[in-house]
C-alpha cells in the first residue's frame, strides 16, 4: 500500500496530464493507449495434476519446477475496449521498441497520433529505436507518438495496471510451465476480452484527486 507523505508540483502536473486525458472524449484518430508490463515466473508441475471432476476441484502438488521467467506487454485502449498483448522472453528496450512498432504500424495505422501513457520506468530510449530500425522508420514511429508519464510511485494512475490485475484473475495468476503455453493462454484471453469489448469505467478525476489529496500538496 502506498503511503502518501507530500505531493509536489511535478507530481501534480504529471497526475493532471494523465487525468485530463482520461476525461477527454474518445477519438479514434488520437487513441489513448495505456502501457504496462508484467513479469511472469514459469512454474511447471513436479507431479501430474489430478483433473477436476463433478464435485471435486482440480488437485495439484505444492511442489513445482522453475522453468525461468517471461514478460507480458499490455497496451490498453480502455475507452474502446481494446487491448494488445505480447509475450516475450525478456523485457529489454529492444523488445519494447518492437512492441511499440506493432502498435503504430499494425494496430493503429490510421491514427494521427497514439498517446501512450506509461510510467517513468518505461521511459522510451530513443537511441534504442535508431539502433534497431532505420533512421526513417525510427522517425516515423516517434512522429506518431506522444508520451505521458504517471508520477513516480503512482503506477495506480495507469489504467493498464487494472487490466493486468484482471488478466491475473482470469488467466495468468496460476501455474504455467512454459513460454508456449503462456503465449497461447494470453492470446486466447486477449481475443476473448476484445471480442466482448471489455472497457474500464475510470472514475478518478482531477477534482476528486484535489479533494482527496490536497492536504498533502506542497
Protein backbone atom coordinates (compact mmCIF):
# COMPACT_ATOMS: atom_id res chain seq x y z
CA UNK A 1 0.00 0.00 0.00
CA UNK A 2 1.32 3.43 -0.94
CA UNK A 3 1.78 5.85 1.96
CA UNK A 4 1.34 9.50 0.94
CA UNK A 5 3.72 11.96 2.58
CA UNK A 6 3.93 15.06 0.38
CA UNK A 7 2.95 15.74 -3.22
CA UNK A 8 4.99 18.32 -5.08
CA UNK A 9 4.22 20.38 -8.18
CA UNK A 10 5.92 17.90 -10.52
CA UNK A 11 3.77 15.05 -9.22
CA UNK A 12 0.61 17.12 -9.59
CA UNK A 13 1.48 18.21 -13.13
CA UNK A 14 2.02 14.61 -14.27
CA UNK A 15 -1.13 13.45 -12.47
CA UNK A 16 -3.23 16.23 -14.02
CA UNK A 17 -1.88 15.46 -17.51
CA UNK A 18 -2.98 11.83 -17.21
CA UNK A 19 -6.34 12.54 -15.57
CA UNK A 20 -7.18 15.24 -18.12
CA UNK A 21 -6.51 12.72 -20.90
CA UNK A 22 -8.85 10.24 -19.27
CA UNK A 23 -11.68 12.79 -19.26
CA UNK A 24 -11.44 13.55 -22.98
CA UNK A 25 -13.99 12.18 -25.42
CA UNK A 26 -12.98 9.07 -27.33
CA UNK A 27 -11.17 9.96 -30.55
CA UNK A 28 -10.15 7.05 -32.83
CA UNK A 29 -7.74 9.34 -34.67
CA UNK A 30 -5.93 10.14 -31.41
CA UNK A 31 -6.22 6.90 -29.41
CA UNK A 32 -5.32 6.96 -25.74
CA UNK A 33 -3.31 3.80 -25.01
CA UNK A 34 -2.04 2.77 -21.58
CA UNK A 35 1.07 0.62 -21.47
CA UNK A 36 2.48 -1.63 -18.77
CA UNK A 37 4.17 -4.99 -18.48
CA UNK A 38 4.07 -7.99 -16.17
CA UNK A 39 6.90 -10.38 -15.33
CA UNK A 40 5.74 -13.97 -15.14
CA UNK A 41 7.56 -16.84 -13.47
CA UNK A 42 7.24 -20.07 -15.44
CA UNK A 43 6.43 -22.87 -12.99
CA UNK A 44 5.88 -26.46 -14.07
CA UNK A 45 4.20 -29.23 -12.13
CA UNK A 46 6.54 -31.72 -10.48
CA UNK A 47 3.75 -34.31 -10.47
CA UNK A 48 0.84 -34.67 -12.88
CA UNK A 49 -2.24 -32.83 -11.52
CA UNK A 50 -5.47 -34.73 -10.94
CA UNK A 51 -8.15 -33.22 -13.24
CA UNK A 52 -11.34 -31.81 -11.79
CA UNK A 53 -14.49 -33.91 -11.86
CA UNK A 54 -18.07 -33.36 -10.69
CA UNK A 55 -17.99 -32.43 -7.02
CA UNK A 56 -14.19 -32.32 -6.86
CA UNK A 57 -11.82 -29.48 -7.88
CA UNK A 58 -8.53 -29.98 -9.67
CA UNK A 59 -5.78 -31.22 -7.36
CA UNK A 60 -2.10 -30.44 -7.83
CA UNK A 61 1.02 -30.92 -5.77
CA UNK A 62 2.52 -27.98 -3.89
CA UNK A 63 5.96 -28.74 -5.34
CA UNK A 64 6.84 -27.21 -8.69
CA UNK A 65 9.70 -26.87 -11.16
CA UNK A 66 11.17 -23.46 -12.03
CA UNK A 67 11.42 -23.00 -15.79
CA UNK A 68 12.67 -19.44 -15.94
CA UNK A 69 10.71 -16.24 -16.45
CA UNK A 70 8.84 -14.42 -19.19
CA UNK A 71 7.42 -10.96 -19.80
CA UNK A 72 3.96 -9.85 -20.89
CA UNK A 73 3.48 -6.47 -22.58
CA UNK A 74 -0.01 -4.99 -22.25
CA UNK A 75 -1.32 -1.99 -24.21
CA UNK A 76 -4.86 -0.99 -23.31
CA UNK A 77 -7.20 1.41 -25.09
CA UNK A 78 -9.76 1.27 -22.30
CA UNK A 79 -12.32 3.63 -23.86
CA UNK A 80 -12.54 1.44 -26.96
CA UNK A 81 -12.45 -1.90 -25.14
CA UNK A 82 -9.29 -2.93 -26.96
CA UNK A 83 -6.06 -4.39 -25.69
CA UNK A 84 -2.88 -5.62 -27.37
CA UNK A 85 -0.63 -8.14 -25.62
CA UNK A 86 2.65 -9.82 -26.40
CA UNK A 87 4.60 -12.47 -24.50
CA UNK A 88 8.39 -12.14 -24.72
CA UNK A 89 11.30 -14.00 -23.17
CA UNK A 90 12.75 -10.78 -21.76
CA UNK A 91 11.85 -7.18 -21.14
CA UNK A 92 14.55 -5.15 -22.90
CA UNK A 93 14.40 -1.80 -24.70
CA UNK A 94 14.65 -3.78 -27.94
CA UNK A 95 11.55 -5.79 -27.00
CA UNK A 96 9.77 -2.60 -26.00
CA UNK A 97 10.69 -0.81 -29.25
CA UNK A 98 9.46 -3.72 -31.36
CA UNK A 99 6.18 -3.82 -29.43
CA UNK A 100 5.67 -0.09 -29.94
CA UNK A 101 6.28 -0.57 -33.67
CA UNK A 102 3.48 -3.16 -33.72
CA UNK A 103 1.16 -0.63 -32.08
CA UNK A 104 2.00 2.10 -34.58
CA UNK A 105 2.19 0.01 -37.78
CA UNK A 106 -0.35 -2.76 -37.24
CA UNK A 107 -2.80 -1.77 -34.52
CA UNK A 108 -3.18 1.97 -35.22
CA UNK A 109 -2.06 2.54 -38.83
CA UNK A 110 -4.75 5.18 -39.46
CA UNK A 111 -4.22 7.16 -36.25
CA UNK A 112 -2.84 10.68 -36.47
CA UNK A 113 -1.07 10.17 -33.15
CA UNK A 114 -1.01 7.45 -30.50
CA UNK A 115 -0.98 8.93 -26.99
CA UNK A 116 0.88 6.42 -24.85
CA UNK A 117 0.54 6.54 -21.05
CA UNK A 118 3.29 4.73 -19.19
CA UNK A 119 5.33 5.03 -16.02
CA UNK A 120 8.78 6.51 -15.68
CA UNK A 121 10.40 3.08 -15.55
CA UNK A 122 9.20 2.57 -19.13
CA UNK A 123 10.61 5.83 -20.42
CA UNK A 124 11.49 5.00 -24.04
CA UNK A 125 15.11 5.35 -25.00
CA UNK A 126 15.03 6.99 -28.42
CA UNK A 127 18.52 5.67 -29.08
CA UNK A 128 17.22 2.09 -28.95
CA UNK A 129 14.78 2.77 -31.79
CA UNK A 130 17.55 4.15 -34.00
CA UNK A 131 19.74 1.15 -33.21
CA UNK A 132 17.01 -1.32 -34.18
CA UNK A 133 15.32 0.45 -37.09
CA UNK A 134 16.45 2.65 -39.93
CA UNK A 135 16.56 6.41 -39.35
CA UNK A 136 13.44 6.90 -41.49
CA UNK A 137 11.50 4.17 -39.69
CA UNK A 138 12.52 5.38 -36.23
CA UNK A 139 11.44 8.92 -37.11
CA UNK A 140 8.13 7.63 -38.45
CA UNK A 141 7.44 5.72 -35.23
CA UNK A 142 8.28 8.65 -32.96
CA UNK A 143 6.37 11.03 -35.23
CA UNK A 144 3.14 9.17 -34.38
CA UNK A 145 3.69 9.00 -30.62
CA UNK A 146 3.01 11.29 -27.68
CA UNK A 147 4.24 10.07 -24.29
CA UNK A 148 2.56 10.81 -20.98
CA UNK A 149 4.09 9.60 -17.73
CA UNK A 150 2.45 8.74 -14.44
CA UNK A 151 4.20 10.32 -11.44
CA UNK A 152 6.84 8.40 -9.54
CA UNK A 153 5.23 5.93 -7.09
CA UNK A 154 1.83 6.42 -8.76
CA UNK A 155 1.50 3.50 -11.13
CA UNK A 156 -2.09 3.20 -9.85
CA UNK A 157 -2.88 6.10 -12.22
CA UNK A 158 -2.15 3.79 -15.16
CA UNK A 159 -5.35 2.04 -16.28
CA UNK A 160 -3.26 -0.77 -17.75
CA UNK A 161 -2.47 -1.86 -14.20
CA UNK A 162 -6.18 -2.62 -13.70
CA UNK A 163 -6.22 -4.66 -16.89
CA UNK A 164 -3.20 -6.66 -15.74
CA UNK A 165 -4.99 -7.43 -12.47
CA UNK A 166 -7.94 -8.75 -14.50
CA UNK A 167 -5.54 -10.81 -16.60
CA UNK A 168 -4.08 -12.33 -13.44
CA UNK A 169 -7.52 -13.24 -12.12
CA UNK A 170 -8.76 -14.72 -15.39
CA UNK A 171 -5.60 -16.14 -16.95
CA UNK A 172 -2.05 -15.66 -15.69
CA UNK A 173 -2.44 -15.90 -11.93
CA UNK A 174 -1.93 -19.64 -11.97
CA UNK A 175 0.91 -22.05 -12.54
CA UNK A 176 2.05 -22.01 -16.19
CA UNK A 177 5.13 -24.03 -17.04
CA UNK A 178 6.44 -22.87 -20.41
CA UNK A 179 6.58 -19.92 -22.79
CA UNK A 180 4.48 -21.60 -25.49
CA UNK A 181 1.57 -22.30 -23.12
CA UNK A 182 1.76 -18.79 -21.67
CA UNK A 183 1.72 -17.26 -25.16
CA UNK A 184 -1.28 -19.35 -26.18
CA UNK A 185 -3.24 -18.65 -23.00
CA UNK A 186 -2.61 -14.89 -23.07
CA UNK A 187 -3.58 -14.72 -26.76
CA UNK A 188 -6.85 -16.55 -26.07
CA UNK A 189 -7.63 -14.29 -23.12
CA UNK A 190 -6.88 -11.17 -25.17
CA UNK A 191 -9.07 -12.35 -28.05
CA UNK A 192 -11.99 -13.03 -25.70
CA UNK A 193 -11.69 -9.65 -23.95
CA UNK A 194 -11.52 -7.83 -27.28
CA UNK A 195 -14.49 -9.70 -28.75
CA UNK A 196 -16.58 -8.55 -25.78
CA UNK A 197 -15.05 -5.03 -25.95
CA UNK A 198 -14.39 -5.04 -22.22
CA UNK A 199 -13.81 -1.48 -21.01
CA UNK A 200 -12.71 0.19 -17.79
CA UNK A 201 -15.04 2.79 -16.28
CA UNK A 202 -12.43 5.18 -14.87
CA UNK A 203 -13.95 7.36 -12.11
CA UNK A 204 -10.96 9.17 -10.57
CA UNK A 205 -10.83 12.77 -11.87
CA UNK A 206 -8.71 15.86 -11.26
CA UNK A 207 -11.43 17.22 -8.97
CA UNK A 208 -11.54 14.01 -6.95
CA UNK A 209 -7.75 13.97 -6.74
CA UNK A 210 -7.70 17.51 -5.30
CA UNK A 211 -10.45 16.71 -2.84
CA UNK A 212 -8.76 13.54 -1.63
CA UNK A 213 -5.11 14.57 -1.74
CA UNK A 214 -4.86 18.37 -1.47
CA UNK A 215 -3.83 18.23 2.20
CA UNK A 216 -0.59 16.59 1.05
CA UNK A 217 0.22 19.25 -1.59
CA UNK A 218 3.34 21.35 -1.09
